[in-house]
């Protein structure tokens, strides 16, 4: 029987971690086809990937960030795509279960899995937030509706992903999942958390400083507001980001012309969902 899910991995300069991840994926029964997008690595990333069967390597001349994944989705010939990072992989039953869910729920565009971190398999902090999503669990949906997820533990319907254009090249890395979730929901696709789908994440020690990652996320949340949210939300995000990280605002400025030219405000029902999530997060923060 031909494969129905391709694993797509975007990576850069993490040959050792990638090799371990590909070993884990190769141990699945059956091993899925894997497409590795090498974001202009300067180490042996491509060579490490080619040592594994069922792995296709696409070497890129420049670092495209998260948008590199879209090239993998385009190159795949399966109806479903599971994303992994170079330091994450899927549990043995996850891909087959996701295929069954997609088959039974034709309006579901993305499944967000439970992410188990480290050898102790502790829940990623995002997991309980998705599980208790205030957007609820509609009848007929495979799980609670969400408007965000972790890219290292998400499986998408290829047609839905390509319909909305995939991960935005404007954002590079950081909070890119939120924009994709917005765009899927705006096109009528369900984005759902499903607890029984599991992915393992062993975070690489070779990561950018947390301060850099936070600035990138704040910059991109500001850009996402410009791309999809009403003016009052844009003003709020500018004011908030100026207080939290003025450098993030400066980082957003060169990207603003492209963001404005691509601006497409969310439909009212998706904007309402986004505001519901924000109010819930504010309430939880006030109680902590």
C-alpha atoms as a PDB file:
ATOM      1  CA  UNK A   1       0.000   0.000   0.000  1.00  0.00           C
ATOM      2  CA  UNK A   2       1.407   3.407  -0.953  1.00  0.00           C
ATOM      3  CA  UNK A   3       2.249   5.926   1.769  1.00  0.00           C
ATOM      4  CA  UNK A   4      -0.387   8.512   2.607  1.00  0.00           C
ATOM      5  CA  UNK A   5       1.642  10.820   4.877  1.00  0.00           C
ATOM      6  CA  UNK A   6       4.995  12.465   4.161  1.00  0.00           C
ATOM      7  CA  UNK A   7       7.112  13.884   6.976  1.00  0.00           C
ATOM      8  CA  UNK A   8       8.572  17.301   6.097  1.00  0.00           C
ATOM      9  CA  UNK A   9      11.541  18.691   8.053  1.00  0.00           C
ATOM     10  CA  UNK A  10      13.184  22.108   7.642  1.00  0.00           C
ATOM     11  CA  UNK A  11      16.638  22.220   9.213  1.00  0.00           C
ATOM     12  CA  UNK A  12      19.854  24.185   9.347  1.00  0.00           C
ATOM     13  CA  UNK A  13      23.255  23.222  10.797  1.00  0.00           C
ATOM     14  CA  UNK A  14      22.031  20.410  13.043  1.00  0.00           C
ATOM     15  CA  UNK A  15      23.405  17.296  11.400  1.00  0.00           C
ATOM     16  CA  UNK A  16      23.631  15.263  14.607  1.00  0.00           C
ATOM     17  CA  UNK A  17      20.104  16.059  15.804  1.00  0.00           C
ATOM     18  CA  UNK A  18      18.691  15.469  12.331  1.00  0.00           C
ATOM     19  CA  UNK A  19      20.391  12.082  12.135  1.00  0.00           C
ATOM     20  CA  UNK A  20      18.791  11.023  15.415  1.00  0.00           C
ATOM     21  CA  UNK A  21      15.352  12.221  14.312  1.00  0.00           C
ATOM     22  CA  UNK A  22      15.610  10.350  11.010  1.00  0.00           C
ATOM     23  CA  UNK A  23      16.612   7.198  12.873  1.00  0.00           C
ATOM     24  CA  UNK A  24      13.475   7.516  15.005  1.00  0.00           C
ATOM     25  CA  UNK A  25      11.269   8.085  11.957  1.00  0.00           C
ATOM     26  CA  UNK A  26      12.893   5.169  10.121  1.00  0.00           C
ATOM     27  CA  UNK A  27      11.922   2.888  12.988  1.00  0.00           C
ATOM     28  CA  UNK A  28       8.209   3.489  12.381  1.00  0.00           C
ATOM     29  CA  UNK A  29       6.299   0.625  10.779  1.00  0.00           C
ATOM     30  CA  UNK A  30       6.046   1.337   7.932  1.00  0.00           C
ATOM     31  CA  UNK A  31       8.683   4.091   7.724  1.00  0.00           C
ATOM     32  CA  UNK A  32       7.131   7.173   6.137  1.00  0.00           C
ATOM     33  CA  UNK A  33       8.666   9.047   3.220  1.00  0.00           C
ATOM     34  CA  UNK A  34      10.618  12.048   4.507  1.00  0.00           C
ATOM     35  CA  UNK A  35      11.567  15.273   2.738  1.00  0.00           C
ATOM     36  CA  UNK A  36      14.358  17.297   4.361  1.00  0.00           C
ATOM     37  CA  UNK A  37      14.687  20.972   3.442  1.00  0.00           C
ATOM     38  CA  UNK A  38      18.276  21.992   4.128  1.00  0.00           C
ATOM     39  CA  UNK A  39      18.183  25.731   4.826  1.00  0.00           C
ATOM     40  CA  UNK A  40      21.681  26.504   3.462  1.00  0.00           C
ATOM     41  CA  UNK A  41      23.478  24.494   6.145  1.00  0.00           C
ATOM     42  CA  UNK A  42      27.237  24.824   6.514  1.00  0.00           C
ATOM     43  CA  UNK A  43      27.732  21.463   8.216  1.00  0.00           C
ATOM     44  CA  UNK A  44      27.059  17.862   7.118  1.00  0.00           C
ATOM     45  CA  UNK A  45      23.269  18.126   7.345  1.00  0.00           C
ATOM     46  CA  UNK A  46      22.621  16.957   3.775  1.00  0.00           C
ATOM     47  CA  UNK A  47      25.076  14.069   4.079  1.00  0.00           C
ATOM     48  CA  UNK A  48      23.501  12.957   7.371  1.00  0.00           C
ATOM     49  CA  UNK A  49      20.046  12.931   5.774  1.00  0.00           C
ATOM     50  CA  UNK A  50      21.139  10.948   2.727  1.00  0.00           C
ATOM     51  CA  UNK A  51      22.306   8.071   4.930  1.00  0.00           C
ATOM     52  CA  UNK A  52      18.673   7.161   5.555  1.00  0.00           C
ATOM     53  CA  UNK A  53      16.332   5.314   3.228  1.00  0.00           C
ATOM     54  CA  UNK A  54      13.060   6.975   2.226  1.00  0.00           C
ATOM     55  CA  UNK A  55      14.637  10.430   2.698  1.00  0.00           C
ATOM     56  CA  UNK A  56      14.754  13.029  -0.055  1.00  0.00           C
ATOM     57  CA  UNK A  57      16.990  16.056   0.494  1.00  0.00           C
ATOM     58  CA  UNK A  58      16.315  19.453  -1.050  1.00  0.00           C
ATOM     59  CA  UNK A  59      19.268  21.789  -0.516  1.00  0.00           C
ATOM     60  CA  UNK A  60      18.387  25.474  -0.532  1.00  0.00           C
ATOM     61  CA  UNK A  61      20.856  28.230  -1.470  1.00  0.00           C
ATOM     62  CA  UNK A  62      19.577  30.485   1.307  1.00  0.00           C
ATOM     63  CA  UNK A  63      17.828  30.141   4.656  1.00  0.00           C
ATOM     64  CA  UNK A  64      14.101  30.480   3.982  1.00  0.00           C
ATOM     65  CA  UNK A  65      13.105  29.830   7.583  1.00  0.00           C
ATOM     66  CA  UNK A  66       9.721  28.197   8.172  1.00  0.00           C
ATOM     67  CA  UNK A  67       8.645  28.858   4.582  1.00  0.00           C
ATOM     68  CA  UNK A  68      11.075  26.159   3.444  1.00  0.00           C
ATOM     69  CA  UNK A  69       8.505  23.626   4.648  1.00  0.00           C
ATOM     70  CA  UNK A  70       6.181  24.706   1.847  1.00  0.00           C
ATOM     71  CA  UNK A  71       8.695  23.530  -0.743  1.00  0.00           C
ATOM     72  CA  UNK A  72       8.559  20.129   0.925  1.00  0.00           C
ATOM     73  CA  UNK A  73       4.767  20.112   0.859  1.00  0.00           C
ATOM     74  CA  UNK A  74       4.794  20.981  -2.850  1.00  0.00           C
ATOM     75  CA  UNK A  75       7.311  18.205  -3.542  1.00  0.00           C
ATOM     76  CA  UNK A  76       5.307  15.584  -1.619  1.00  0.00           C
ATOM     77  CA  UNK A  77       2.776  13.390  -3.410  1.00  0.00           C
ATOM     78  CA  UNK A  78       0.749  12.240  -0.397  1.00  0.00           C
ATOM     79  CA  UNK A  79      -2.567  13.734   0.776  1.00  0.00           C
ATOM     80  CA  UNK A  80      -1.291  14.385   4.307  1.00  0.00           C
ATOM     81  CA  UNK A  81       1.867  16.044   5.627  1.00  0.00           C
ATOM     82  CA  UNK A  82       3.348  15.614   9.097  1.00  0.00           C
ATOM     83  CA  UNK A  83       5.792  18.305  10.151  1.00  0.00           C
ATOM     84  CA  UNK A  84       8.764  17.484  12.331  1.00  0.00           C
ATOM     85  CA  UNK A  85      11.672  19.612  13.452  1.00  0.00           C
ATOM     86  CA  UNK A  86      15.189  18.234  13.342  1.00  0.00           C
ATOM     87  CA  UNK A  87      14.807  17.455  17.059  1.00  0.00           C
ATOM     88  CA  UNK A  88      11.289  15.948  17.045  1.00  0.00           C
ATOM     89  CA  UNK A  89       9.584  12.809  15.739  1.00  0.00           C
ATOM     90  CA  UNK A  90       6.263  10.973  15.767  1.00  0.00           C
ATOM     91  CA  UNK A  91       4.988   8.211  18.060  1.00  0.00           C
ATOM     92  CA  UNK A  92       4.524   4.805  16.357  1.00  0.00           C
ATOM     93  CA  UNK A  93       0.732   5.056  15.957  1.00  0.00           C
ATOM     94  CA  UNK A  94       0.394   8.790  15.290  1.00  0.00           C
ATOM     95  CA  UNK A  95       0.514   8.973  11.504  1.00  0.00           C
ATOM     96  CA  UNK A  96      -1.928   6.123  10.892  1.00  0.00           C
ATOM     97  CA  UNK A  97      -4.334   7.581  13.455  1.00  0.00           C
ATOM     98  CA  UNK A  98      -4.100  11.025  11.860  1.00  0.00           C
ATOM     99  CA  UNK A  99      -4.902   9.545   8.450  1.00  0.00           C
ATOM    100  CA  UNK A 100      -7.996   7.879   9.896  1.00  0.00           C
ATOM    101  CA  UNK A 101      -9.112  11.174  11.484  1.00  0.00           C
ATOM    102  CA  UNK A 102      -8.637  13.124   8.265  1.00  0.00           C
ATOM    103  CA  UNK A 103     -10.567  10.495   6.328  1.00  0.00           C
ATOM    104  CA  UNK A 104     -13.493  10.748   8.755  1.00  0.00           C
ATOM    105  CA  UNK A 105     -13.450  14.564   9.026  1.00  0.00           C
ATOM    106  CA  UNK A 106     -13.182  16.085   5.540  1.00  0.00           C
ATOM    107  CA  UNK A 107     -13.353  19.704   6.824  1.00  0.00           C
ATOM    108  CA  UNK A 108     -10.411  19.271   9.173  1.00  0.00           C
ATOM    109  CA  UNK A 109      -7.331  20.961   7.741  1.00  0.00           C
ATOM    110  CA  UNK A 110      -4.808  20.608  10.570  1.00  0.00           C
ATOM    111  CA  UNK A 111      -4.365  18.336  13.581  1.00  0.00           C
ATOM    112  CA  UNK A 112      -2.281  19.582  16.505  1.00  0.00           C
ATOM    113  CA  UNK A 113      -0.792  16.715  18.489  1.00  0.00           C
ATOM    114  CA  UNK A 114       0.148  16.309  22.129  1.00  0.00           C
ATOM    115  CA  UNK A 115       3.831  17.238  22.415  1.00  0.00           C
ATOM    116  CA  UNK A 116       5.925  15.223  24.869  1.00  0.00           C
ATOM    117  CA  UNK A 117       9.194  16.923  25.792  1.00  0.00           C
ATOM    118  CA  UNK A 118      12.464  15.211  26.669  1.00  0.00           C
ATOM    119  CA  UNK A 119      13.132  11.643  27.802  1.00  0.00           C
ATOM    120  CA  UNK A 120      10.740  12.144  30.723  1.00  0.00           C
ATOM    121  CA  UNK A 121       7.896  12.842  28.231  1.00  0.00           C
ATOM    122  CA  UNK A 122       6.521  15.890  30.045  1.00  0.00           C
ATOM    123  CA  UNK A 123       3.787  17.878  28.353  1.00  0.00           C
ATOM    124  CA  UNK A 124       4.870  20.985  26.478  1.00  0.00           C
ATOM    125  CA  UNK A 125       3.247  24.029  28.173  1.00  0.00           C
ATOM    126  CA  UNK A 126       1.218  24.674  25.021  1.00  0.00           C
ATOM    127  CA  UNK A 127      -0.475  21.271  25.277  1.00  0.00           C
ATOM    128  CA  UNK A 128      -2.819  21.963  28.234  1.00  0.00           C
ATOM    129  CA  UNK A 129      -3.717  25.339  26.717  1.00  0.00           C
ATOM    130  CA  UNK A 130      -4.922  23.636  23.557  1.00  0.00           C
ATOM    131  CA  UNK A 131      -6.691  20.901  25.496  1.00  0.00           C
ATOM    132  CA  UNK A 132      -8.798  23.448  27.398  1.00  0.00           C
ATOM    133  CA  UNK A 133      -9.326  25.760  24.431  1.00  0.00           C
ATOM    134  CA  UNK A 134     -12.216  28.179  25.060  1.00  0.00           C
ATOM    135  CA  UNK A 135     -13.282  27.694  21.437  1.00  0.00           C
ATOM    136  CA  UNK A 136     -14.838  24.397  22.454  1.00  0.00           C
ATOM    137  CA  UNK A 137     -15.260  21.031  20.763  1.00  0.00           C
ATOM    138  CA  UNK A 138     -18.000  21.300  18.134  1.00  0.00           C
ATOM    139  CA  UNK A 139     -20.071  18.275  17.213  1.00  0.00           C
ATOM    140  CA  UNK A 140     -18.387  16.427  14.382  1.00  0.00           C
ATOM    141  CA  UNK A 141     -14.918  17.870  14.998  1.00  0.00           C
ATOM    142  CA  UNK A 142     -12.121  15.484  16.081  1.00  0.00           C
ATOM    143  CA  UNK A 143     -11.091  17.687  18.998  1.00  0.00           C
ATOM    144  CA  UNK A 144     -11.164  21.203  20.482  1.00  0.00           C
ATOM    145  CA  UNK A 145     -10.787  24.055  18.011  1.00  0.00           C
ATOM    146  CA  UNK A 146      -7.525  26.001  18.291  1.00  0.00           C
ATOM    147  CA  UNK A 147      -5.937  28.957  16.497  1.00  0.00           C
ATOM    148  CA  UNK A 148      -2.347  28.009  17.163  1.00  0.00           C
ATOM    149  CA  UNK A 149      -0.166  24.941  17.409  1.00  0.00           C
ATOM    150  CA  UNK A 150       3.444  23.759  17.492  1.00  0.00           C
ATOM    151  CA  UNK A 151       4.858  23.158  14.033  1.00  0.00           C
ATOM    152  CA  UNK A 152       7.001  20.274  15.301  1.00  0.00           C
ATOM    153  CA  UNK A 153       3.832  18.331  16.159  1.00  0.00           C
ATOM    154  CA  UNK A 154       1.279  19.190  13.491  1.00  0.00           C
ATOM    155  CA  UNK A 155      -0.181  17.177  10.631  1.00  0.00           C
ATOM    156  CA  UNK A 156      -1.948  18.940   7.767  1.00  0.00           C
ATOM    157  CA  UNK A 157      -4.180  18.096   4.872  1.00  0.00           C
ATOM    158  CA  UNK A 158      -1.935  18.947   1.927  1.00  0.00           C
ATOM    159  CA  UNK A 159      -4.720  20.511  -0.131  1.00  0.00           C
ATOM    160  CA  UNK A 160      -5.748  22.821   2.721  1.00  0.00           C
ATOM    161  CA  UNK A 161      -2.173  23.880   3.406  1.00  0.00           C
ATOM    162  CA  UNK A 162      -1.505  24.734  -0.227  1.00  0.00           C
ATOM    163  CA  UNK A 163      -4.847  26.500  -0.584  1.00  0.00           C
ATOM    164  CA  UNK A 164      -3.820  29.096   2.015  1.00  0.00           C
ATOM    165  CA  UNK A 165      -0.228  29.385   0.827  1.00  0.00           C
ATOM    166  CA  UNK A 166       1.497  27.623   3.725  1.00  0.00           C
ATOM    167  CA  UNK A 167       3.853  29.293   6.183  1.00  0.00           C
ATOM    168  CA  UNK A 168       4.489  32.941   5.374  1.00  0.00           C
ATOM    169  CA  UNK A 169       8.001  33.810   4.117  1.00  0.00           C
ATOM    170  CA  UNK A 170       7.502  37.267   5.625  1.00  0.00           C
ATOM    171  CA  UNK A 171       7.755  35.892   9.174  1.00  0.00           C
ATOM    172  CA  UNK A 172      10.794  33.627   8.655  1.00  0.00           C
ATOM    173  CA  UNK A 173      10.626  31.968  12.103  1.00  0.00           C
ATOM    174  CA  UNK A 174       8.599  32.711  15.225  1.00  0.00           C
ATOM    175  CA  UNK A 175       4.809  32.533  15.706  1.00  0.00           C
ATOM    176  CA  UNK A 176       4.399  31.428  12.097  1.00  0.00           C
ATOM    177  CA  UNK A 177       1.909  28.797  13.271  1.00  0.00           C
ATOM    178  CA  UNK A 178      -0.614  31.429  14.375  1.00  0.00           C
ATOM    179  CA  UNK A 179      -0.877  33.003  10.942  1.00  0.00           C
ATOM    180  CA  UNK A 180      -1.317  29.616   9.263  1.00  0.00           C
ATOM    181  CA  UNK A 181      -4.056  28.699  11.758  1.00  0.00           C
ATOM    182  CA  UNK A 182      -5.830  32.022  11.096  1.00  0.00           C
ATOM    183  CA  UNK A 183      -5.698  31.471   7.348  1.00  0.00           C
ATOM    184  CA  UNK A 184      -6.970  27.904   7.547  1.00  0.00           C
ATOM    185  CA  UNK A 185      -9.877  28.939   9.769  1.00  0.00           C
ATOM    186  CA  UNK A 186     -10.669  31.861   7.460  1.00  0.00           C
ATOM    187  CA  UNK A 187     -11.040  29.396   4.573  1.00  0.00           C
ATOM    188  CA  UNK A 188     -13.406  27.217   6.601  1.00  0.00           C
ATOM    189  CA  UNK A 189     -10.946  24.523   7.654  1.00  0.00           C
ATOM    190  CA  UNK A 190     -11.035  23.140  11.190  1.00  0.00           C
ATOM    191  CA  UNK A 191      -7.814  23.364  13.194  1.00  0.00           C
ATOM    192  CA  UNK A 192      -8.125  20.873  16.054  1.00  0.00           C
ATOM    193  CA  UNK A 193      -6.101  19.572  18.973  1.00  0.00           C
ATOM    194  CA  UNK A 194      -6.214  15.776  19.309  1.00  0.00           C
ATOM    195  CA  UNK A 195      -4.702  14.407  22.507  1.00  0.00           C
ATOM    196  CA  UNK A 196      -4.257  10.843  21.282  1.00  0.00           C
ATOM    197  CA  UNK A 197      -1.864  11.997  18.561  1.00  0.00           C
ATOM    198  CA  UNK A 198       1.612  12.189  20.099  1.00  0.00           C
ATOM    199  CA  UNK A 199       4.918  13.679  19.016  1.00  0.00           C
ATOM    200  CA  UNK A 200       8.227  13.620  20.882  1.00  0.00           C
ATOM    201  CA  UNK A 201      10.398  16.730  21.124  1.00  0.00           C
ATOM    202  CA  UNK A 202      13.931  16.680  22.518  1.00  0.00           C
ATOM    203  CA  UNK A 203      14.937  20.359  22.197  1.00  0.00           C
ATOM    204  CA  UNK A 204      18.334  20.852  20.615  1.00  0.00           C
ATOM    205  CA  UNK A 205      21.010  22.494  22.789  1.00  0.00           C
ATOM    206  CA  UNK A 206      22.097  24.532  19.749  1.00  0.00           C
ATOM    207  CA  UNK A 207      19.271  27.044  19.839  1.00  0.00           C
ATOM    208  CA  UNK A 208      19.276  30.828  19.500  1.00  0.00           C
ATOM    209  CA  UNK A 209      19.189  32.717  22.814  1.00  0.00           C
ATOM    210  CA  UNK A 210      15.739  32.954  24.385  1.00  0.00           C
ATOM    211  CA  UNK A 211      15.912  36.762  24.119  1.00  0.00           C
ATOM    212  CA  UNK A 212      16.362  36.495  20.349  1.00  0.00           C
ATOM    213  CA  UNK A 213      13.466  34.066  20.030  1.00  0.00           C
ATOM    214  CA  UNK A 214      11.197  36.322  22.097  1.00  0.00           C
ATOM    215  CA  UNK A 215      12.004  39.371  19.948  1.00  0.00           C
ATOM    216  CA  UNK A 216      11.290  37.356  16.792  1.00  0.00           C
ATOM    217  CA  UNK A 217       7.944  36.189  18.176  1.00  0.00           C
ATOM    218  CA  UNK A 218       6.918  39.692  19.267  1.00  0.00           C
ATOM    219  CA  UNK A 219       7.965  41.132  15.897  1.00  0.00           C
ATOM    220  CA  UNK A 220       5.923  38.503  14.088  1.00  0.00           C
ATOM    221  CA  UNK A 221       2.851  38.877  16.297  1.00  0.00           C
ATOM    222  CA  UNK A 222       2.894  42.550  15.410  1.00  0.00           C
ATOM    223  CA  UNK A 223       3.198  41.687  11.717  1.00  0.00           C
ATOM    224  CA  UNK A 224       0.368  39.138  11.994  1.00  0.00           C
ATOM    225  CA  UNK A 225      -1.850  41.851  13.462  1.00  0.00           C
ATOM    226  CA  UNK A 226      -1.060  44.075  10.491  1.00  0.00           C
ATOM    227  CA  UNK A 227      -1.709  41.201   8.086  1.00  0.00           C
ATOM    228  CA  UNK A 228      -5.031  39.972   9.509  1.00  0.00           C
ATOM    229  CA  UNK A 229      -6.444  41.955  12.444  1.00  0.00           C
ATOM    230  CA  UNK A 230      -8.564  45.137  12.669  1.00  0.00           C
ATOM    231  CA  UNK A 231      -6.891  48.530  13.245  1.00  0.00           C
ATOM    232  CA  UNK A 232      -7.602  48.619  16.994  1.00  0.00           C
ATOM    233  CA  UNK A 233      -5.695  45.348  17.454  1.00  0.00           C
ATOM    234  CA  UNK A 234      -2.800  46.686  15.377  1.00  0.00           C
ATOM    235  CA  UNK A 235      -2.592  49.783  17.584  1.00  0.00           C
ATOM    236  CA  UNK A 236      -2.703  47.650  20.714  1.00  0.00           C
ATOM    237  CA  UNK A 237       0.073  45.367  19.446  1.00  0.00           C
ATOM    238  CA  UNK A 238       2.313  48.313  18.563  1.00  0.00           C
ATOM    239  CA  UNK A 239       1.851  49.834  22.018  1.00  0.00           C
ATOM    240  CA  UNK A 240       2.383  46.514  23.785  1.00  0.00           C
ATOM    241  CA  UNK A 241       5.481  45.643  21.766  1.00  0.00           C
ATOM    242  CA  UNK A 242       7.010  49.084  22.315  1.00  0.00           C
ATOM    243  CA  UNK A 243       6.795  48.446  26.066  1.00  0.00           C
ATOM    244  CA  UNK A 244       7.973  44.827  26.009  1.00  0.00           C
ATOM    245  CA  UNK A 245      10.665  44.937  23.306  1.00  0.00           C
ATOM    246  CA  UNK A 246      11.223  48.138  21.320  1.00  0.00           C
ATOM    247  CA  UNK A 247      13.742  46.278  19.162  1.00  0.00           C
ATOM    248  CA  UNK A 248      10.964  44.007  17.919  1.00  0.00           C
ATOM    249  CA  UNK A 249       9.104  47.042  16.544  1.00  0.00           C
ATOM    250  CA  UNK A 250      12.246  48.185  14.761  1.00  0.00           C
ATOM    251  CA  UNK A 251      12.617  44.697  13.338  1.00  0.00           C
ATOM    252  CA  UNK A 252       9.082  44.817  11.988  1.00  0.00           C
ATOM    253  CA  UNK A 253       9.438  48.183  10.219  1.00  0.00           C
ATOM    254  CA  UNK A 254      11.296  46.923   7.091  1.00  0.00           C
ATOM    255  CA  UNK A 255       8.646  44.219   6.650  1.00  0.00           C
ATOM    256  CA  UNK A 256       5.632  46.523   7.039  1.00  0.00           C
ATOM    257  CA  UNK A 257       5.248  47.424   3.334  1.00  0.00           C
ATOM    258  CA  UNK A 258       4.979  43.736   2.413  1.00  0.00           C
ATOM    259  CA  UNK A 259       2.615  43.119   5.324  1.00  0.00           C
ATOM    260  CA  UNK A 260       0.338  45.975   4.291  1.00  0.00           C
ATOM    261  CA  UNK A 261       0.288  44.833   0.665  1.00  0.00           C
ATOM    262  CA  UNK A 262      -0.777  41.359   1.835  1.00  0.00           C
ATOM    263  CA  UNK A 263      -3.320  42.576   4.390  1.00  0.00           C
ATOM    264  CA  UNK A 264      -6.527  40.521   4.439  1.00  0.00           C
ATOM    265  CA  UNK A 265      -8.661  41.010   7.553  1.00  0.00           C
ATOM    266  CA  UNK A 266     -10.070  37.874   9.139  1.00  0.00           C
ATOM    267  CA  UNK A 267     -13.765  37.032   8.716  1.00  0.00           C
ATOM    268  CA  UNK A 268     -15.872  38.180  11.669  1.00  0.00           C
ATOM    269  CA  UNK A 269     -16.290  34.709  13.175  1.00  0.00           C
ATOM    270  CA  UNK A 270     -12.527  34.029  13.141  1.00  0.00           C
ATOM    271  CA  UNK A 271     -11.782  37.462  14.597  1.00  0.00           C
ATOM    272  CA  UNK A 272     -14.271  36.661  17.353  1.00  0.00           C
ATOM    273  CA  UNK A 273     -12.407  33.411  18.050  1.00  0.00           C
ATOM    274  CA  UNK A 274      -9.087  35.256  18.162  1.00  0.00           C
ATOM    275  CA  UNK A 275     -10.471  37.774  20.655  1.00  0.00           C
ATOM    276  CA  UNK A 276     -11.953  34.963  22.767  1.00  0.00           C
ATOM    277  CA  UNK A 277      -8.522  33.342  23.017  1.00  0.00           C
ATOM    278  CA  UNK A 278      -6.884  36.647  23.915  1.00  0.00           C
ATOM    279  CA  UNK A 279      -9.413  37.455  26.626  1.00  0.00           C
ATOM    280  CA  UNK A 280      -8.994  33.977  28.100  1.00  0.00           C
ATOM    281  CA  UNK A 281      -5.200  34.337  28.116  1.00  0.00           C
ATOM    282  CA  UNK A 282      -5.488  37.736  29.819  1.00  0.00           C
ATOM    283  CA  UNK A 283      -7.827  36.319  32.444  1.00  0.00           C
ATOM    284  CA  UNK A 284      -5.521  33.380  33.166  1.00  0.00           C
ATOM    285  CA  UNK A 285      -2.523  35.690  33.386  1.00  0.00           C
ATOM    286  CA  UNK A 286      -4.337  37.936  35.868  1.00  0.00           C
ATOM    287  CA  UNK A 287      -5.017  34.907  38.079  1.00  0.00           C
ATOM    288  CA  UNK A 288      -1.472  33.563  38.026  1.00  0.00           C
END
